[in-house]
Protein backbone atom coordinates (compact mmCIF):
# COMPACT_ATOMS: atom_id res chain seq x y z
CA MET A 1 -33.48 -13.17 -3.64
CA LYS A 2 -34.00 -16.20 -5.82
CA GLU A 3 -34.98 -19.61 -4.31
CA GLU A 4 -31.56 -21.00 -5.20
CA GLU A 5 -29.76 -18.26 -3.33
CA LYS A 6 -32.13 -18.75 -0.35
CA LYS A 7 -31.34 -22.60 -0.03
CA GLU A 8 -27.59 -21.83 -0.27
CA TYR A 9 -27.68 -19.17 2.41
CA PHE A 10 -29.91 -21.27 4.71
CA GLN A 11 -27.51 -24.33 4.21
CA GLU A 12 -24.48 -21.98 5.03
CA MET A 13 -26.06 -20.58 8.00
CA ASN A 14 -26.93 -24.08 9.35
CA ARG A 15 -23.37 -25.26 8.71
CA LYS A 16 -21.77 -22.05 10.46
CA MET A 17 -24.16 -22.58 13.32
CA LYS A 18 -23.76 -26.21 13.47
CA PHE A 19 -27.59 -26.77 13.35
CA ILE A 20 -27.16 -29.70 10.84
CA GLY A 21 -28.47 -32.92 12.51
CA SER A 22 -29.80 -30.92 15.84
CA GLY A 23 -33.42 -30.45 15.01
CA LEU A 24 -32.85 -26.73 14.97
CA GLU A 25 -32.12 -26.27 11.30
CA LEU A 26 -33.25 -23.09 9.51
CA ASP A 27 -35.74 -23.75 6.79
CA PRO A 28 -36.75 -21.16 4.12
CA ASN A 29 -40.20 -22.33 3.92
CA MET A 30 -40.95 -21.41 7.64
CA ILE A 31 -39.66 -17.77 7.20
CA HIS A 32 -42.46 -15.28 6.51
CA GLU A 33 -43.06 -11.55 7.01
CA GLU A 34 -45.29 -10.38 9.75
CA ASP A 35 -45.34 -6.42 9.27
CA THR A 36 -47.23 -6.03 12.44
CA LEU A 37 -45.25 -7.81 14.76
CA ARG A 38 -41.91 -6.53 13.23
CA GLU A 39 -43.27 -2.84 13.82
CA HIS A 40 -44.23 -3.59 17.41
CA PHE A 41 -40.74 -4.96 18.24
CA LYS A 42 -38.99 -2.10 16.52
CA LEU A 43 -41.14 0.43 18.44
CA MET A 44 -40.22 -1.42 21.74
CA LEU A 45 -36.60 -1.67 20.94
CA ASN A 46 -36.39 2.10 19.98
CA ALA A 47 -38.16 3.07 23.01
CA SER A 48 -35.86 1.12 25.30
CA ILE A 49 -32.68 2.48 23.66
CA GLY A 50 -34.13 6.00 23.89
CA LYS A 51 -34.70 5.40 27.73
CA PHE A 52 -31.26 3.99 28.15
CA ALA A 53 -29.82 7.32 26.43
CA GLN A 54 -31.65 9.53 28.72
CA ASN A 55 -29.54 11.62 31.17
CA VAL A 56 -30.08 10.12 34.57
CA ARG A 57 -28.81 13.22 36.51
CA PRO A 58 -30.70 16.17 34.89
CA THR A 59 -29.63 19.57 35.90
CA THR A 60 -31.80 21.53 38.28
CA THR A 61 -32.07 25.29 38.48
CA LYS A 62 -32.98 27.06 41.74
CA PHE A 63 -34.16 30.76 42.16
CA ILE A 64 -32.95 32.26 45.48
CA GLN A 65 -34.29 35.52 46.77
CA THR A 66 -31.98 37.68 48.86
CA GLN A 67 -32.85 40.76 50.91
CA VAL A 68 -30.92 43.85 50.03
């Protein structure tokens, strides 16, 4: 993405979210990649989604012996 496109994108997002003049404006110079942090949160998110997807009532099998 070119610098011009980045500036236009951030201006559009600031306008849509009504951040202009609020002190919360998004700035393309403040955005940087942190691969380690990204991987950490991705792992946490995937683990929690997997935990919620687990079956809460697993089936149980019982072996009963009867006398003949």
